[in-house]
C-alpha atoms as a PDB file:
ATOM      1  CA  MET A   1      18.968  20.968   6.309  1.00  0.00           C
ATOM      2  CA  ILE A   2      17.450  19.751   3.086  1.00  0.00           C
ATOM      3  CA  SER A   3      15.851  22.026   0.527  1.00  0.00           C
ATOM      4  CA  PRO A   4      13.595  21.365  -2.460  1.00  0.00           C
ATOM      5  CA  GLU A   5      16.573  21.987  -4.700  1.00  0.00           C
ATOM      6  CA  SER A   6      18.860  19.593  -2.827  1.00  0.00           C
ATOM      7  CA  ILE A   7      16.486  16.640  -2.813  1.00  0.00           C
ATOM      8  CA  MET A   8      15.655  17.052  -6.481  1.00  0.00           C
ATOM      9  CA  LEU A   9      19.348  16.543  -7.233  1.00  0.00           C
ATOM     10  CA  VAL A  10      19.307  13.059  -5.647  1.00  0.00           C
ATOM     11  CA  GLU A  11      19.268  10.325  -8.287  1.00  0.00           C
ATOM     12  CA  LYS A  12      16.774   7.491  -7.862  1.00  0.00           C
ATOM     13  CA  ALA A  13      19.537   4.950  -7.195  1.00  0.00           C
ATOM     14  CA  ASP A  14      20.889   7.171  -4.399  1.00  0.00           C
ATOM     15  CA  LEU A  15      17.579   7.661  -2.578  1.00  0.00           C
ATOM     16  CA  PRO A  16      18.063   4.784  -0.085  1.00  0.00           C
ATOM     17  CA  GLU A  17      21.427   6.181   1.023  1.00  0.00           C
ATOM     18  CA  ALA A  18      20.120   9.759   1.107  1.00  0.00           C
ATOM     19  CA  SER A  19      17.242   8.682   3.331  1.00  0.00           C
ATOM     20  CA  LYS A  20      19.729   7.451   5.963  1.00  0.00           C
ATOM     21  CA  ALA A  21      21.112  10.970   6.386  1.00  0.00           C
ATOM     22  CA  LEU A  22      17.763  12.629   7.101  1.00  0.00           C
ATOM     23  CA  GLY A  23      17.325  14.465  10.386  1.00  0.00           C
ATOM     24  CA  LYS A  24      14.146  15.090  12.373  1.00  0.00           C
ATOM     25  CA  ASP A  25      13.561  18.495  10.762  1.00  0.00           C
ATOM     26  CA  ASP A  26      14.219  17.012   7.313  1.00  0.00           C
ATOM     27  CA  ILE A  27      11.496  14.414   7.834  1.00  0.00           C
ATOM     28  CA  SER A  28       9.034  17.112   8.913  1.00  0.00           C
ATOM     29  CA  ARG A  29       9.813  19.065   5.757  1.00  0.00           C
ATOM     30  CA  LEU A  30       9.356  16.030   3.536  1.00  0.00           C
ATOM     31  CA  VAL A  31       5.976  15.307   5.125  1.00  0.00           C
ATOM     32  CA  GLU A  32       4.995  18.934   4.498  1.00  0.00           C
ATOM     33  CA  TRP A  33       6.115  18.705   0.863  1.00  0.00           C
ATOM     34  CA  LEU A  34       3.806  15.745   0.301  1.00  0.00           C
ATOM     35  CA  GLY A  35       1.098  18.374  -0.019  1.00  0.00           C
ATOM     36  CA  THR A  36       2.868  20.585  -2.540  1.00  0.00           C
ATOM     37  CA  LYS A  37       1.471  21.153  -6.025  1.00  0.00           C
ATOM     38  CA  ASP A  38       4.906  20.457  -7.506  1.00  0.00           C
ATOM     39  CA  ASP A  39       4.521  16.856  -8.746  1.00  0.00           C
ATOM     40  CA  ASN A  40       8.264  16.163  -8.894  1.00  0.00           C
ATOM     41  CA  LEU A  41       9.007  17.488  -5.407  1.00  0.00           C
ATOM     42  CA  ARG A  42       6.012  15.670  -3.968  1.00  0.00           C
ATOM     43  CA  TYR A  43       7.041  12.346  -5.526  1.00  0.00           C
ATOM     44  CA  GLN A  44      10.684  12.696  -4.478  1.00  0.00           C
ATOM     45  CA  SER A  45       9.553  13.463  -0.921  1.00  0.00           C
ATOM     46  CA  LEU A  46       7.360  10.353  -0.930  1.00  0.00           C
ATOM     47  CA  LEU A  47      10.201   8.128  -2.126  1.00  0.00           C
ATOM     48  CA  LEU A  48      12.596   9.453   0.514  1.00  0.00           C
ATOM     49  CA  LEU A  49      10.021   8.906   3.264  1.00  0.00           C
ATOM     50  CA  GLN A  50       9.334   5.382   2.029  1.00  0.00           C
ATOM     51  CA  HIS A  51      13.024   4.493   2.033  1.00  0.00           C
ATOM     52  CA  ARG A  52      13.428   6.035   5.485  1.00  0.00           C
ATOM     53  CA  SER A  53      10.427   4.080   6.766  1.00  0.00           C
ATOM     54  CA  SER A  54      11.956   0.819   5.587  1.00  0.00           C
ATOM     55  CA  LEU A  55      14.919   1.402   7.918  1.00  0.00           C
ATOM     56  CA  PHE A  56      13.851   3.575  10.838  1.00  0.00           C
ATOM     57  CA  SER A  57      10.761   4.326  12.926  1.00  0.00           C
ATOM     58  CA  ASP A  58      11.048   8.128  12.912  1.00  0.00           C
ATOM     59  CA  VAL A  59       8.441   8.648  10.183  1.00  0.00           C
ATOM     60  CA  TYR A  60       5.881   6.756  12.281  1.00  0.00           C
ATOM     61  CA  PRO A  61       5.054   9.806  14.498  1.00  0.00           C
ATOM     62  CA  PHE A  62       3.342  11.314  11.429  1.00  0.00           C
ATOM     63  CA  TRP A  63       0.829   8.449  11.318  1.00  0.00           C
ATOM     64  CA  ASP A  64      -2.152  10.717  11.949  1.00  0.00           C
ATOM     65  CA  VAL A  65      -1.084  12.997   9.083  1.00  0.00           C
ATOM     66  CA  PHE A  66      -1.007  10.018   6.724  1.00  0.00           C
ATOM     67  CA  ARG A  67      -4.325   8.748   8.070  1.00  0.00           C
ATOM     68  CA  GLU A  68      -5.910  12.106   7.315  1.00  0.00           C
ATOM     69  CA  LYS A  69      -4.646  11.841   3.741  1.00  0.00           C
ATOM     70  CA  ILE A  70      -6.654   8.692   3.038  1.00  0.00           C
ATOM     71  CA  ARG A  71      -9.766  10.815   3.623  1.00  0.00           C
ATOM     72  CA  SER A  72      -8.613  13.450   1.114  1.00  0.00           C
ATOM     73  CA  ASP A  73     -10.684  14.470  -1.905  1.00  0.00           C
ATOM     74  CA  ASN A  74      -7.485  14.196  -3.931  1.00  0.00           C
ATOM     75  CA  SER A  75      -6.781  10.655  -5.151  1.00  0.00           C
ATOM     76  CA  TYR A  76      -3.005  11.180  -5.173  1.00  0.00           C
ATOM     77  CA  GLN A  77      -3.100  12.212  -1.520  1.00  0.00           C
ATOM     78  CA  ARG A  78      -5.185   9.147  -0.691  1.00  0.00           C
ATOM     79  CA  SER A  79      -2.542   6.979  -2.342  1.00  0.00           C
ATOM     80  CA  VAL A  80       0.265   8.731  -0.470  1.00  0.00           C
ATOM     81  CA  GLY A  81      -1.537   8.112   2.810  1.00  0.00           C
ATOM     82  CA  LEU A  82      -2.101   4.442   2.017  1.00  0.00           C
ATOM     83  CA  MET A  83       1.506   3.802   1.074  1.00  0.00           C
ATOM     84  CA  LEU A  84       3.076   5.557   4.053  1.00  0.00           C
ATOM     85  CA  LEU A  85       0.695   3.969   6.550  1.00  0.00           C
ATOM     86  CA  ALA A  86       1.580   0.560   5.147  1.00  0.00           C
ATOM     87  CA  ASP A  87       5.304   1.350   5.212  1.00  0.00           C
ATOM     88  CA  ASN A  88       5.051   2.299   8.890  1.00  0.00           C
ATOM     89  CA  ALA A  89       2.757  -0.506  10.033  1.00  0.00           C
ATOM     90  CA  LYS A  90       5.776  -2.465  11.259  1.00  0.00           C
ATOM     91  CA  TRP A  91       6.658   0.400  13.637  1.00  0.00           C
ATOM     92  CA  ASP A  92       3.112   0.643  15.028  1.00  0.00           C
ATOM     93  CA  THR A  93       3.930   0.214  18.710  1.00  0.00           C
ATOM     94  CA  ALA A  94       0.828   2.186  19.726  1.00  0.00           C
ATOM     95  CA  ASN A  95      -1.415  -0.110  17.662  1.00  0.00           C
ATOM     96  CA  LYS A  96      -2.902   2.811  15.747  1.00  0.00           C
ATOM     97  CA  MET A  97      -3.709   0.469  12.885  1.00  0.00           C
ATOM     98  CA  GLU A  98      -6.503  -1.018  14.974  1.00  0.00           C
ATOM     99  CA  ASP A  99      -8.387   2.280  14.681  1.00  0.00           C
ATOM    100  CA  THR A 100      -7.220   2.938  11.115  1.00  0.00           C
ATOM    101  CA  ILE A 101      -7.883  -0.364   9.365  1.00  0.00           C
ATOM    102  CA  SER A 102     -11.609   0.250   8.751  1.00  0.00           C
ATOM    103  CA  GLU A 103     -10.863   3.509   6.927  1.00  0.00           C
ATOM    104  CA  PHE A 104      -8.051   1.780   5.074  1.00  0.00           C
ATOM    105  CA  LEU A 105     -10.307  -1.039   3.879  1.00  0.00           C
ATOM    106  CA  ALA A 106     -12.970   1.470   2.809  1.00  0.00           C
ATOM    107  CA  VAL A 107     -10.574   2.672   0.102  1.00  0.00           C
ATOM    108  CA  LEU A 108     -11.117  -0.671  -1.642  1.00  0.00           C
ATOM    109  CA  LYS A 109     -14.314   0.955  -2.934  1.00  0.00           C
ATOM    110  CA  ASP A 110     -12.500   4.061  -4.168  1.00  0.00           C
ATOM    111  CA  GLU A 111     -13.722   5.648  -7.404  1.00  0.00           C
ATOM    112  CA  LYS A 112     -10.194   5.505  -8.846  1.00  0.00           C
ATOM    113  CA  PRO A 113      -9.089   1.975  -9.855  1.00  0.00           C
ATOM    114  CA  ILE A 114      -5.409   2.904  -9.493  1.00  0.00           C
ATOM    115  CA  THR A 115      -6.084   3.940  -5.875  1.00  0.00           C
ATOM    116  CA  VAL A 116      -7.838   0.607  -5.300  1.00  0.00           C
ATOM    117  CA  ARG A 117      -4.742  -1.167  -6.629  1.00  0.00           C
ATOM    118  CA  GLN A 118      -2.459   0.816  -4.343  1.00  0.00           C
ATOM    119  CA  CYS A 119      -4.732   0.008  -1.418  1.00  0.00           C
ATOM    120  CA  ILE A 120      -4.561  -3.733  -2.127  1.00  0.00           C
ATOM    121  CA  GLN A 121      -0.783  -3.643  -2.550  1.00  0.00           C
ATOM    122  CA  ALA A 122      -0.467  -1.686   0.705  1.00  0.00           C
ATOM    123  CA  LEU A 123      -2.641  -4.294   2.456  1.00  0.00           C
ATOM    124  CA  GLY A 124      -0.061  -6.882   1.402  1.00  0.00           C
ATOM    125  CA  LYS A 125       2.586  -4.965   3.363  1.00  0.00           C
ATOM    126  CA  ILE A 126       0.313  -4.642   6.367  1.00  0.00           C
ATOM    127  CA  ALA A 127      -0.564  -8.336   6.289  1.00  0.00           C
ATOM    128  CA  SER A 128       3.115  -9.284   6.317  1.00  0.00           C
ATOM    129  CA  CYS A 129       3.625  -7.670   9.733  1.00  0.00           C
ATOM    130  CA  ARG A 130       0.111  -7.858  11.227  1.00  0.00           C
ATOM    131  CA  PRO A 131      -1.155 -11.463  11.185  1.00  0.00           C
ATOM    132  CA  ASP A 132      -3.850 -10.421  13.660  1.00  0.00           C
ATOM    133  CA  LEU A 133      -5.486  -8.449  10.823  1.00  0.00           C
ATOM    134  CA  HIS A 134      -5.394 -11.255   8.250  1.00  0.00           C
ATOM    135  CA  GLN A 135      -9.032 -12.255   8.643  1.00  0.00           C
ATOM    136  CA  ARG A 136     -10.305  -8.686   8.234  1.00  0.00           C
ATOM    137  CA  ILE A 137      -8.080  -8.102   5.217  1.00  0.00           C
ATOM    138  CA  VAL A 138      -9.111 -11.374   3.586  1.00  0.00           C
ATOM    139  CA  ALA A 139     -12.817 -10.749   4.197  1.00  0.00           C
ATOM    140  CA  ALA A 140     -12.567  -7.314   2.569  1.00  0.00           C
ATOM    141  CA  LEU A 141     -10.570  -8.550  -0.429  1.00  0.00           C
ATOM    142  CA  VAL A 142     -12.732 -11.554  -1.292  1.00  0.00           C
ATOM    143  CA  SER A 143     -15.905  -9.473  -1.020  1.00  0.00           C
ATOM    144  CA  LEU A 144     -14.634  -6.860  -3.484  1.00  0.00           C
ATOM    145  CA  ASP A 145     -17.008  -6.992  -6.465  1.00  0.00           C
ATOM    146  CA  LEU A 146     -14.904  -6.874  -9.628  1.00  0.00           C
ATOM    147  CA  ALA A 147     -18.061  -6.247 -11.641  1.00  0.00           C
ATOM    148  CA  ASN A 148     -18.009  -2.720 -10.220  1.00  0.00           C
ATOM    149  CA  VAL A 149     -14.457  -2.174 -11.450  1.00  0.00           C
ATOM    150  CA  LYS A 150     -13.619  -0.725 -14.857  1.00  0.00           C
ATOM    151  CA  GLU A 151     -13.247  -3.733 -17.148  1.00  0.00           C
ATOM    152  CA  THR A 152      -9.726  -2.829 -18.290  1.00  0.00           C
ATOM    153  CA  MET A 153      -8.564  -2.847 -14.637  1.00  0.00           C
ATOM    154  CA  ARG A 154     -10.193  -6.083 -13.457  1.00  0.00           C
ATOM    155  CA  LYS A 155      -7.286  -8.333 -14.353  1.00  0.00           C
ATOM    156  CA  SER A 156      -4.722  -6.123 -12.584  1.00  0.00           C
ATOM    157  CA  ILE A 157      -6.871  -5.783  -9.473  1.00  0.00           C
ATOM    158  CA  LEU A 158      -7.589  -9.520  -9.341  1.00  0.00           C
ATOM    159  CA  LEU A 159      -3.869 -10.262  -9.600  1.00  0.00           C
ATOM    160  CA  ASP A 160      -3.163  -7.816  -6.766  1.00  0.00           C
ATOM    161  CA  ILE A 161      -5.779  -9.549  -4.602  1.00  0.00           C
ATOM    162  CA  LEU A 162      -4.405 -13.009  -5.361  1.00  0.00           C
ATOM    163  CA  ARG A 163      -0.848 -11.983  -4.500  1.00  0.00           C
ATOM    164  CA  VAL A 164      -1.999 -10.789  -1.067  1.00  0.00           C
ATOM    165  CA  LEU A 165      -4.120 -13.889  -0.454  1.00  0.00           C
ATOM    166  CA  ILE A 166      -1.182 -16.135  -1.305  1.00  0.00           C
ATOM    167  CA  VAL A 167       0.948 -14.314   1.268  1.00  0.00           C
ATOM    168  CA  VAL A 168      -1.622 -14.806   4.045  1.00  0.00           C
ATOM    169  CA  ARG A 169      -3.142 -18.166   3.073  1.00  0.00           C
ATOM    170  CA  GLU A 170      -1.089 -20.198   5.546  1.00  0.00           C
ATOM    171  CA  GLU A 171      -1.982 -18.080   8.547  1.00  0.00           C
ATOM    172  CA  PRO A 172      -4.614 -19.161   9.111  1.00  0.00           C
ATOM    173  CA  ALA A 173      -5.519 -21.686   6.436  1.00  0.00           C
ATOM    174  CA  SER A 174      -8.918 -20.819   5.011  1.00  0.00           C
ATOM    175  CA  ASP A 175     -11.374 -22.500   2.669  1.00  0.00           C
ATOM    176  CA  GLN A 176     -12.515 -18.995   1.750  1.00  0.00           C
ATOM    177  CA  ILE A 177      -9.064 -18.151   0.401  1.00  0.00           C
ATOM    178  CA  GLU A 178      -8.629 -21.474  -1.375  1.00  0.00           C
ATOM    179  CA  ASP A 179     -12.054 -21.179  -3.019  1.00  0.00           C
ATOM    180  CA  TYR A 180     -11.321 -17.642  -4.180  1.00  0.00           C
ATOM    181  CA  ILE A 181      -7.987 -18.646  -5.712  1.00  0.00           C
ATOM    182  CA  ARG A 182      -9.525 -21.714  -7.359  1.00  0.00           C
ATOM    183  CA  ASN A 183     -12.341 -19.659  -8.873  1.00  0.00           C
ATOM    184  CA  ALA A 184      -9.908 -17.044 -10.154  1.00  0.00           C
ATOM    185  CA  LEU A 185      -7.794 -19.698 -11.857  1.00  0.00           C
ATOM    186  CA  SER A 186     -10.835 -21.291 -13.487  1.00  0.00           C
ATOM    187  CA  GLY A 187     -12.449 -18.003 -14.475  1.00  0.00           C
ATOM    188  CA  GLU A 188     -12.026 -15.827 -17.530  1.00  0.00           C
ATOM    189  CA  VAL A 189     -10.644 -12.590 -16.048  1.00  0.00           C
ATOM    190  CA  LEU A 190      -7.044 -13.827 -16.001  1.00  0.00           C
ATOM    191  CA  GLY A 191      -5.182 -14.826 -19.122  1.00  0.00           C
ATOM    192  CA  ARG A 192      -3.000 -17.914 -19.452  1.00  0.00           C
ATOM    193  CA  LYS A 193       0.222 -16.084 -18.528  1.00  0.00           C
ATOM    194  CA  SER A 194      -1.335 -14.574 -15.383  1.00  0.00           C
ATOM    195  CA  LYS A 195      -2.713 -17.943 -14.305  1.00  0.00           C
ATOM    196  CA  MET A 196       0.723 -19.509 -14.720  1.00  0.00           C
ATOM    197  CA  GLU A 197       2.209 -16.762 -12.535  1.00  0.00           C
ATOM    198  CA  ILE A 198      -0.294 -17.439  -9.751  1.00  0.00           C
ATOM    199  CA  GLU A 199       0.168 -21.212 -10.028  1.00  0.00           C
ATOM    200  CA  ALA A 200       3.917 -20.732  -9.693  1.00  0.00           C
ATOM    201  CA  LEU A 201       3.416 -18.649  -6.516  1.00  0.00           C
ATOM    202  CA  LEU A 202       1.244 -21.402  -5.060  1.00  0.00           C
ATOM    203  CA  ARG A 203       3.958 -24.030  -5.323  1.00  0.00           C
END
């Protein structure tokens, strides 16, 4: 049985291996600790659950808990919910994402730019295992108005969007995606280095 003290002793490099040894009760405890006020314990619990989710489906039963978190008034909890839902999308045998995706996409208009970034990055994970949701994800991303985003965050958010669009652009091919990428590369939000990165991903 894990304890707060025992998991805090696990080094970052050892987290993947530690996640393999988790039992059912351990996972329940980690999910509970996601709500603690102790930042370090909360973050360590998140990392262990993410590593576990990459290997096994036994975090998936907590889907509804994570879904509730994306409605939280606390931005950190919203981010936790986004990340763990995305990590467990590949185990979604009950197709719960169908009912969740609208709430997920609504976070693209979050008041916190960092939460918006985490939402976009999480959508990249979802898109990789749910091609049936590509069109909805693309439509939401290309309609995101960067003018409403804090200026210092526009470049980062645009890069996040482009990385997701590049992943999904072949399935299905879309003029909407190609036009968006072309406009981003000819616009002024991205610098030369960022444009070179995107051009390299397109090859």
